[in-house]
């Protein structure tokens, strides 16, 4: 692609509350239709996102989350961000200037809105301060409160967690508990417990008397 036909693209990096993740924001939409996708291995990116596939070639990358106009990169402990952030930002910008499409499609098994969505726990390491997970016991049945809970999460919580480079998905409401799944920078974040209990749980309990607690789903 010649200089004249390159796609004008800017990329800047933002720190997140999770020290193992960095949010790279662009001036372009990277995934359409409000979709979000998280990859925990290069194998998952095949046929889905060429950008994510290329980013996994960096040996320290252990997870990629793409939403709207940003990419959240999760790394291991081998290198500090100050040693690699400039390299990643420049690589991402150069790649996007040469490629119009970052995410070709989101397979059903990687789409949280799909019944086929199924994956192992995300790439973030659980610490003593991060939100504990809890498995949903027994069958999951729809309730009369699901839509209201989902709406509150989308309207009040989702914008804030996306600002931090993550995502939260409603999974179920059962026996007074709201089960959610944390992705991107929110997964394994040291502040995720306070976010769940001090923020999301208090919001939902103040609006719905039937809500007793909010927990992260074990997947």
C-alpha atoms as a PDB file:
ATOM      1  CA  UNK A   1       0.000   0.000   0.000  1.00  0.00           C
ATOM      2  CA  UNK A   2       1.456   3.369  -1.018  1.00  0.00           C
ATOM      3  CA  UNK A   3       1.815   6.300   1.356  1.00  0.00           C
ATOM      4  CA  UNK A   4      -1.068   8.024  -0.440  1.00  0.00           C
ATOM      5  CA  UNK A   5      -3.468   5.140   0.156  1.00  0.00           C
ATOM      6  CA  UNK A   6      -2.580   4.343   3.755  1.00  0.00           C
ATOM      7  CA  UNK A   7      -5.471   4.655   6.198  1.00  0.00           C
ATOM      8  CA  UNK A   8      -4.983   7.612   8.564  1.00  0.00           C
ATOM      9  CA  UNK A   9      -4.774   6.051  12.007  1.00  0.00           C
ATOM     10  CA  UNK A  10      -3.800   7.245  15.456  1.00  0.00           C
ATOM     11  CA  UNK A  11      -3.145   4.993  18.437  1.00  0.00           C
ATOM     12  CA  UNK A  12      -2.485   6.007  22.017  1.00  0.00           C
ATOM     13  CA  UNK A  13      -2.050   3.941  25.158  1.00  0.00           C
ATOM     14  CA  UNK A  14      -3.996   4.209  28.416  1.00  0.00           C
ATOM     15  CA  UNK A  15      -3.166   2.541  31.699  1.00  0.00           C
ATOM     16  CA  UNK A  16      -5.920   0.446  33.288  1.00  0.00           C
ATOM     17  CA  UNK A  17      -6.602  -0.509  36.920  1.00  0.00           C
ATOM     18  CA  UNK A  18      -5.177  -3.925  36.063  1.00  0.00           C
ATOM     19  CA  UNK A  19      -1.343  -3.692  36.022  1.00  0.00           C
ATOM     20  CA  UNK A  20      -1.061  -6.630  33.621  1.00  0.00           C
ATOM     21  CA  UNK A  21      -3.150  -4.939  30.920  1.00  0.00           C
ATOM     22  CA  UNK A  22      -2.814  -1.860  28.719  1.00  0.00           C
ATOM     23  CA  UNK A  23      -5.558  -0.240  26.647  1.00  0.00           C
ATOM     24  CA  UNK A  24      -4.656   0.933  23.136  1.00  0.00           C
ATOM     25  CA  UNK A  25      -7.210   3.402  21.770  1.00  0.00           C
ATOM     26  CA  UNK A  26      -7.570   4.252  18.084  1.00  0.00           C
ATOM     27  CA  UNK A  27      -9.488   6.835  16.069  1.00  0.00           C
ATOM     28  CA  UNK A  28     -11.162   4.028  14.120  1.00  0.00           C
ATOM     29  CA  UNK A  29     -13.838   1.453  14.859  1.00  0.00           C
ATOM     30  CA  UNK A  30     -12.159  -1.939  15.101  1.00  0.00           C
ATOM     31  CA  UNK A  31     -15.228  -4.132  15.572  1.00  0.00           C
ATOM     32  CA  UNK A  32     -18.733  -3.383  14.335  1.00  0.00           C
ATOM     33  CA  UNK A  33     -22.193  -3.601  15.816  1.00  0.00           C
ATOM     34  CA  UNK A  34     -21.254  -3.171  19.450  1.00  0.00           C
ATOM     35  CA  UNK A  35     -19.602  -6.574  19.476  1.00  0.00           C
ATOM     36  CA  UNK A  36     -16.722  -7.488  21.772  1.00  0.00           C
ATOM     37  CA  UNK A  37     -14.317 -10.384  21.560  1.00  0.00           C
ATOM     38  CA  UNK A  38     -11.582 -11.773  23.770  1.00  0.00           C
ATOM     39  CA  UNK A  39      -8.820 -14.146  22.710  1.00  0.00           C
ATOM     40  CA  UNK A  40      -6.665 -16.083  25.145  1.00  0.00           C
ATOM     41  CA  UNK A  41      -4.535 -17.852  22.537  1.00  0.00           C
ATOM     42  CA  UNK A  42      -3.374 -17.310  18.969  1.00  0.00           C
ATOM     43  CA  UNK A  43      -5.350 -20.377  17.917  1.00  0.00           C
ATOM     44  CA  UNK A  44      -8.603 -18.618  18.832  1.00  0.00           C
ATOM     45  CA  UNK A  45      -7.791 -15.715  16.508  1.00  0.00           C
ATOM     46  CA  UNK A  46      -7.561 -17.851  13.361  1.00  0.00           C
ATOM     47  CA  UNK A  47     -10.203 -16.762  10.865  1.00  0.00           C
ATOM     48  CA  UNK A  48     -11.494 -14.186  13.320  1.00  0.00           C
ATOM     49  CA  UNK A  49      -8.985 -11.350  13.777  1.00  0.00           C
ATOM     50  CA  UNK A  50      -5.775 -10.949  11.815  1.00  0.00           C
ATOM     51  CA  UNK A  51      -4.751  -8.075  14.082  1.00  0.00           C
ATOM     52  CA  UNK A  52      -5.069 -10.198  17.226  1.00  0.00           C
ATOM     53  CA  UNK A  53      -3.287 -13.055  15.478  1.00  0.00           C
ATOM     54  CA  UNK A  54      -0.325 -10.783  14.750  1.00  0.00           C
ATOM     55  CA  UNK A  55      -0.240  -9.364  18.284  1.00  0.00           C
ATOM     56  CA  UNK A  56       0.129 -12.852  19.730  1.00  0.00           C
ATOM     57  CA  UNK A  57       3.485 -13.055  17.942  1.00  0.00           C
ATOM     58  CA  UNK A  58       4.834 -10.868  20.732  1.00  0.00           C
ATOM     59  CA  UNK A  59       6.044 -13.507  23.236  1.00  0.00           C
ATOM     60  CA  UNK A  60       4.791 -11.590  26.282  1.00  0.00           C
ATOM     61  CA  UNK A  61       1.176 -11.294  25.053  1.00  0.00           C
ATOM     62  CA  UNK A  62      -1.217 -13.686  26.806  1.00  0.00           C
ATOM     63  CA  UNK A  63      -4.602 -12.171  25.918  1.00  0.00           C
ATOM     64  CA  UNK A  64      -6.332  -9.728  23.558  1.00  0.00           C
ATOM     65  CA  UNK A  65      -9.684  -8.005  24.087  1.00  0.00           C
ATOM     66  CA  UNK A  66     -11.214  -5.904  21.277  1.00  0.00           C
ATOM     67  CA  UNK A  67     -14.221  -3.608  21.695  1.00  0.00           C
ATOM     68  CA  UNK A  68     -15.304  -0.529  19.767  1.00  0.00           C
ATOM     69  CA  UNK A  69     -12.213   1.537  19.020  1.00  0.00           C
ATOM     70  CA  UNK A  70      -9.769  -0.055  21.456  1.00  0.00           C
ATOM     71  CA  UNK A  71      -7.621  -3.119  22.022  1.00  0.00           C
ATOM     72  CA  UNK A  72      -6.735  -4.268  25.526  1.00  0.00           C
ATOM     73  CA  UNK A  73      -3.534  -6.280  25.664  1.00  0.00           C
ATOM     74  CA  UNK A  74      -2.847  -8.637  28.558  1.00  0.00           C
ATOM     75  CA  UNK A  75       0.812  -9.525  29.141  1.00  0.00           C
ATOM     76  CA  UNK A  76       2.825 -11.894  31.287  1.00  0.00           C
ATOM     77  CA  UNK A  77       5.408 -10.845  33.886  1.00  0.00           C
ATOM     78  CA  UNK A  78       8.487 -11.200  31.679  1.00  0.00           C
ATOM     79  CA  UNK A  79       8.687  -7.495  30.754  1.00  0.00           C
ATOM     80  CA  UNK A  80       7.456  -4.210  32.217  1.00  0.00           C
ATOM     81  CA  UNK A  81       5.121  -2.035  30.179  1.00  0.00           C
ATOM     82  CA  UNK A  82       7.599   0.836  29.979  1.00  0.00           C
ATOM     83  CA  UNK A  83       9.903  -1.414  27.930  1.00  0.00           C
ATOM     84  CA  UNK A  84       7.297  -2.520  25.375  1.00  0.00           C
ATOM     85  CA  UNK A  85       4.475   0.024  25.232  1.00  0.00           C
ATOM     86  CA  UNK A  86       6.010   2.188  22.509  1.00  0.00           C
ATOM     87  CA  UNK A  87       6.839  -0.832  20.355  1.00  0.00           C
ATOM     88  CA  UNK A  88       3.294  -2.173  20.635  1.00  0.00           C
ATOM     89  CA  UNK A  89       1.681   1.193  19.928  1.00  0.00           C
ATOM     90  CA  UNK A  90       3.779   1.759  16.806  1.00  0.00           C
ATOM     91  CA  UNK A  91       3.234  -1.785  15.574  1.00  0.00           C
ATOM     92  CA  UNK A  92      -0.525  -1.486  16.014  1.00  0.00           C
ATOM     93  CA  UNK A  93      -0.643   1.886  14.265  1.00  0.00           C
ATOM     94  CA  UNK A  94       1.418   0.650  11.312  1.00  0.00           C
ATOM     95  CA  UNK A  95      -0.733  -2.470  10.990  1.00  0.00           C
ATOM     96  CA  UNK A  96      -3.991  -0.492  11.046  1.00  0.00           C
ATOM     97  CA  UNK A  97      -2.695   1.944   8.453  1.00  0.00           C
ATOM     98  CA  UNK A  98      -2.203  -1.018   6.123  1.00  0.00           C
ATOM     99  CA  UNK A  99      -5.354  -2.991   6.997  1.00  0.00           C
ATOM    100  CA  UNK A 100      -8.923  -1.734   6.970  1.00  0.00           C
ATOM    101  CA  UNK A 101     -10.495  -4.634   8.882  1.00  0.00           C
ATOM    102  CA  UNK A 102      -9.207  -5.670  12.322  1.00  0.00           C
ATOM    103  CA  UNK A 103     -11.872  -8.268  13.175  1.00  0.00           C
ATOM    104  CA  UNK A 104     -13.238 -10.320  10.299  1.00  0.00           C
ATOM    105  CA  UNK A 105     -15.867 -12.166  12.340  1.00  0.00           C
ATOM    106  CA  UNK A 106     -16.662 -13.257  15.885  1.00  0.00           C
ATOM    107  CA  UNK A 107     -17.172 -17.045  16.148  1.00  0.00           C
ATOM    108  CA  UNK A 108     -20.148 -18.124  18.209  1.00  0.00           C
ATOM    109  CA  UNK A 109     -17.911 -19.821  20.753  1.00  0.00           C
ATOM    110  CA  UNK A 110     -16.226 -16.446  21.430  1.00  0.00           C
ATOM    111  CA  UNK A 111     -19.448 -14.388  21.430  1.00  0.00           C
ATOM    112  CA  UNK A 112     -20.867 -13.954  24.967  1.00  0.00           C
ATOM    113  CA  UNK A 113     -24.359 -13.372  23.530  1.00  0.00           C
ATOM    114  CA  UNK A 114     -24.330 -16.798  21.860  1.00  0.00           C
ATOM    115  CA  UNK A 115     -25.597 -20.010  23.432  1.00  0.00           C
ATOM    116  CA  UNK A 116     -22.439 -21.669  22.109  1.00  0.00           C
ATOM    117  CA  UNK A 117     -20.168 -19.334  24.068  1.00  0.00           C
ATOM    118  CA  UNK A 118     -17.883 -21.520  26.113  1.00  0.00           C
ATOM    119  CA  UNK A 119     -14.337 -20.972  27.220  1.00  0.00           C
ATOM    120  CA  UNK A 120     -11.855 -21.521  29.992  1.00  0.00           C
ATOM    121  CA  UNK A 121     -11.168 -18.863  32.560  1.00  0.00           C
ATOM    122  CA  UNK A 122      -9.674 -15.742  31.039  1.00  0.00           C
ATOM    123  CA  UNK A 123      -6.027 -14.881  30.942  1.00  0.00           C
ATOM    124  CA  UNK A 124      -5.847 -12.703  34.012  1.00  0.00           C
ATOM    125  CA  UNK A 125      -4.359 -14.299  37.108  1.00  0.00           C
ATOM    126  CA  UNK A 126      -6.594 -14.431  40.155  1.00  0.00           C
ATOM    127  CA  UNK A 127      -5.082 -12.723  43.187  1.00  0.00           C
ATOM    128  CA  UNK A 128      -6.231 -12.518  46.770  1.00  0.00           C
ATOM    129  CA  UNK A 129      -7.845  -9.153  46.019  1.00  0.00           C
ATOM    130  CA  UNK A 130      -9.434  -9.974  42.677  1.00  0.00           C
ATOM    131  CA  UNK A 131     -13.057 -11.022  42.479  1.00  0.00           C
ATOM    132  CA  UNK A 132     -13.582 -14.666  43.472  1.00  0.00           C
ATOM    133  CA  UNK A 133     -15.556 -16.785  41.038  1.00  0.00           C
ATOM    134  CA  UNK A 134     -18.548 -18.975  41.717  1.00  0.00           C
ATOM    135  CA  UNK A 135     -20.006 -21.699  39.538  1.00  0.00           C
ATOM    136  CA  UNK A 136     -23.711 -21.586  38.731  1.00  0.00           C
ATOM    137  CA  UNK A 137     -25.202 -24.748  40.174  1.00  0.00           C
ATOM    138  CA  UNK A 138     -27.983 -26.529  38.321  1.00  0.00           C
ATOM    139  CA  UNK A 139     -29.910 -25.383  35.249  1.00  0.00           C
ATOM    140  CA  UNK A 140     -30.134 -21.705  34.316  1.00  0.00           C
ATOM    141  CA  UNK A 141     -33.662 -20.437  33.785  1.00  0.00           C
ATOM    142  CA  UNK A 142     -34.770 -17.028  32.566  1.00  0.00           C
ATOM    143  CA  UNK A 143     -36.432 -14.817  35.184  1.00  0.00           C
ATOM    144  CA  UNK A 144     -38.643 -11.735  35.095  1.00  0.00           C
ATOM    145  CA  UNK A 145     -35.717  -9.653  36.378  1.00  0.00           C
ATOM    146  CA  UNK A 146     -33.143 -10.587  33.713  1.00  0.00           C
ATOM    147  CA  UNK A 147     -33.938  -7.793  31.273  1.00  0.00           C
ATOM    148  CA  UNK A 148     -33.959  -5.086  33.945  1.00  0.00           C
ATOM    149  CA  UNK A 149     -30.611  -6.295  35.329  1.00  0.00           C
ATOM    150  CA  UNK A 150     -29.125  -6.471  31.844  1.00  0.00           C
ATOM    151  CA  UNK A 151     -30.361  -2.948  31.055  1.00  0.00           C
ATOM    152  CA  UNK A 152     -28.843  -1.495  34.235  1.00  0.00           C
ATOM    153  CA  UNK A 153     -25.521  -3.172  33.559  1.00  0.00           C
ATOM    154  CA  UNK A 154     -25.478  -1.899  29.965  1.00  0.00           C
ATOM    155  CA  UNK A 155     -26.562   1.644  30.859  1.00  0.00           C
ATOM    156  CA  UNK A 156     -24.619   2.297  34.053  1.00  0.00           C
ATOM    157  CA  UNK A 157     -21.785  -0.226  34.328  1.00  0.00           C
ATOM    158  CA  UNK A 158     -20.649  -1.118  30.825  1.00  0.00           C
ATOM    159  CA  UNK A 159     -19.458   2.408  29.869  1.00  0.00           C
ATOM    160  CA  UNK A 160     -17.291   2.600  32.995  1.00  0.00           C
ATOM    161  CA  UNK A 161     -15.656  -0.806  32.568  1.00  0.00           C
ATOM    162  CA  UNK A 162     -15.070  -0.140  28.860  1.00  0.00           C
ATOM    163  CA  UNK A 163     -13.306   3.064  29.853  1.00  0.00           C
ATOM    164  CA  UNK A 164     -10.939   0.859  31.836  1.00  0.00           C
ATOM    165  CA  UNK A 165     -10.430  -1.502  28.902  1.00  0.00           C
ATOM    166  CA  UNK A 166     -12.731  -4.296  30.038  1.00  0.00           C
ATOM    167  CA  UNK A 167     -16.224  -5.686  29.795  1.00  0.00           C
ATOM    168  CA  UNK A 168     -18.918  -7.176  31.980  1.00  0.00           C
ATOM    169  CA  UNK A 169     -21.538  -9.634  30.734  1.00  0.00           C
ATOM    170  CA  UNK A 170     -24.731 -10.673  32.500  1.00  0.00           C
ATOM    171  CA  UNK A 171     -24.927 -14.459  32.706  1.00  0.00           C
ATOM    172  CA  UNK A 172     -27.804 -15.324  35.052  1.00  0.00           C
ATOM    173  CA  UNK A 173     -29.926 -14.357  38.057  1.00  0.00           C
ATOM    174  CA  UNK A 174     -30.532 -17.207  40.456  1.00  0.00           C
ATOM    175  CA  UNK A 175     -31.361 -17.485  44.147  1.00  0.00           C
ATOM    176  CA  UNK A 176     -30.798 -13.781  44.743  1.00  0.00           C
ATOM    177  CA  UNK A 177     -27.390 -13.777  43.043  1.00  0.00           C
ATOM    178  CA  UNK A 178     -26.498 -11.930  39.865  1.00  0.00           C
ATOM    179  CA  UNK A 179     -23.818 -13.846  37.978  1.00  0.00           C
ATOM    180  CA  UNK A 180     -21.607 -11.809  35.661  1.00  0.00           C
ATOM    181  CA  UNK A 181     -18.507 -12.540  33.628  1.00  0.00           C
ATOM    182  CA  UNK A 182     -15.547 -10.167  33.634  1.00  0.00           C
ATOM    183  CA  UNK A 183     -13.404  -9.859  30.513  1.00  0.00           C
ATOM    184  CA  UNK A 184     -10.517  -7.787  29.230  1.00  0.00           C
ATOM    185  CA  UNK A 185      -8.799  -5.604  31.813  1.00  0.00           C
ATOM    186  CA  UNK A 186     -11.450  -6.484  34.415  1.00  0.00           C
ATOM    187  CA  UNK A 187     -10.416 -10.125  34.517  1.00  0.00           C
ATOM    188  CA  UNK A 188      -7.916 -10.761  37.303  1.00  0.00           C
ATOM    189  CA  UNK A 189      -7.795  -7.060  38.167  1.00  0.00           C
ATOM    190  CA  UNK A 190      -6.870  -6.340  41.810  1.00  0.00           C
ATOM    191  CA  UNK A 191      -9.727  -3.822  42.020  1.00  0.00           C
ATOM    192  CA  UNK A 192     -12.391  -6.105  40.507  1.00  0.00           C
ATOM    193  CA  UNK A 193     -13.642  -7.225  43.933  1.00  0.00           C
ATOM    194  CA  UNK A 194     -14.316  -3.650  45.054  1.00  0.00           C
ATOM    195  CA  UNK A 195     -15.910  -2.916  41.674  1.00  0.00           C
ATOM    196  CA  UNK A 196     -18.279  -5.856  42.031  1.00  0.00           C
ATOM    197  CA  UNK A 197     -19.154  -5.388  45.685  1.00  0.00           C
ATOM    198  CA  UNK A 198     -18.753  -1.642  46.179  1.00  0.00           C
ATOM    199  CA  UNK A 199     -20.151  -0.540  42.859  1.00  0.00           C
ATOM    200  CA  UNK A 200     -22.209  -2.993  40.840  1.00  0.00           C
ATOM    201  CA  UNK A 201     -23.716  -4.883  43.763  1.00  0.00           C
ATOM    202  CA  UNK A 202     -24.783  -1.701  45.556  1.00  0.00           C
ATOM    203  CA  UNK A 203     -26.333  -0.323  42.376  1.00  0.00           C
ATOM    204  CA  UNK A 204     -28.411  -3.418  41.665  1.00  0.00           C
ATOM    205  CA  UNK A 205     -29.462  -3.883  45.301  1.00  0.00           C
ATOM    206  CA  UNK A 206     -30.636  -0.270  45.453  1.00  0.00           C
ATOM    207  CA  UNK A 207     -32.838  -0.792  42.396  1.00  0.00           C
ATOM    208  CA  UNK A 208     -34.057  -4.346  42.918  1.00  0.00           C
ATOM    209  CA  UNK A 209     -34.941  -5.713  46.348  1.00  0.00           C
ATOM    210  CA  UNK A 210     -34.587  -9.294  45.062  1.00  0.00           C
ATOM    211  CA  UNK A 211     -30.858  -8.873  44.418  1.00  0.00           C
ATOM    212  CA  UNK A 212     -28.748 -10.099  47.345  1.00  0.00           C
ATOM    213  CA  UNK A 213     -25.286 -10.194  45.807  1.00  0.00           C
ATOM    214  CA  UNK A 214     -23.262  -9.976  42.598  1.00  0.00           C
ATOM    215  CA  UNK A 215     -20.632 -12.613  41.880  1.00  0.00           C
ATOM    216  CA  UNK A 216     -18.275 -13.397  39.000  1.00  0.00           C
ATOM    217  CA  UNK A 217     -19.192 -16.611  37.209  1.00  0.00           C
ATOM    218  CA  UNK A 218     -16.686 -19.443  37.210  1.00  0.00           C
ATOM    219  CA  UNK A 219     -16.290 -20.633  33.622  1.00  0.00           C
END
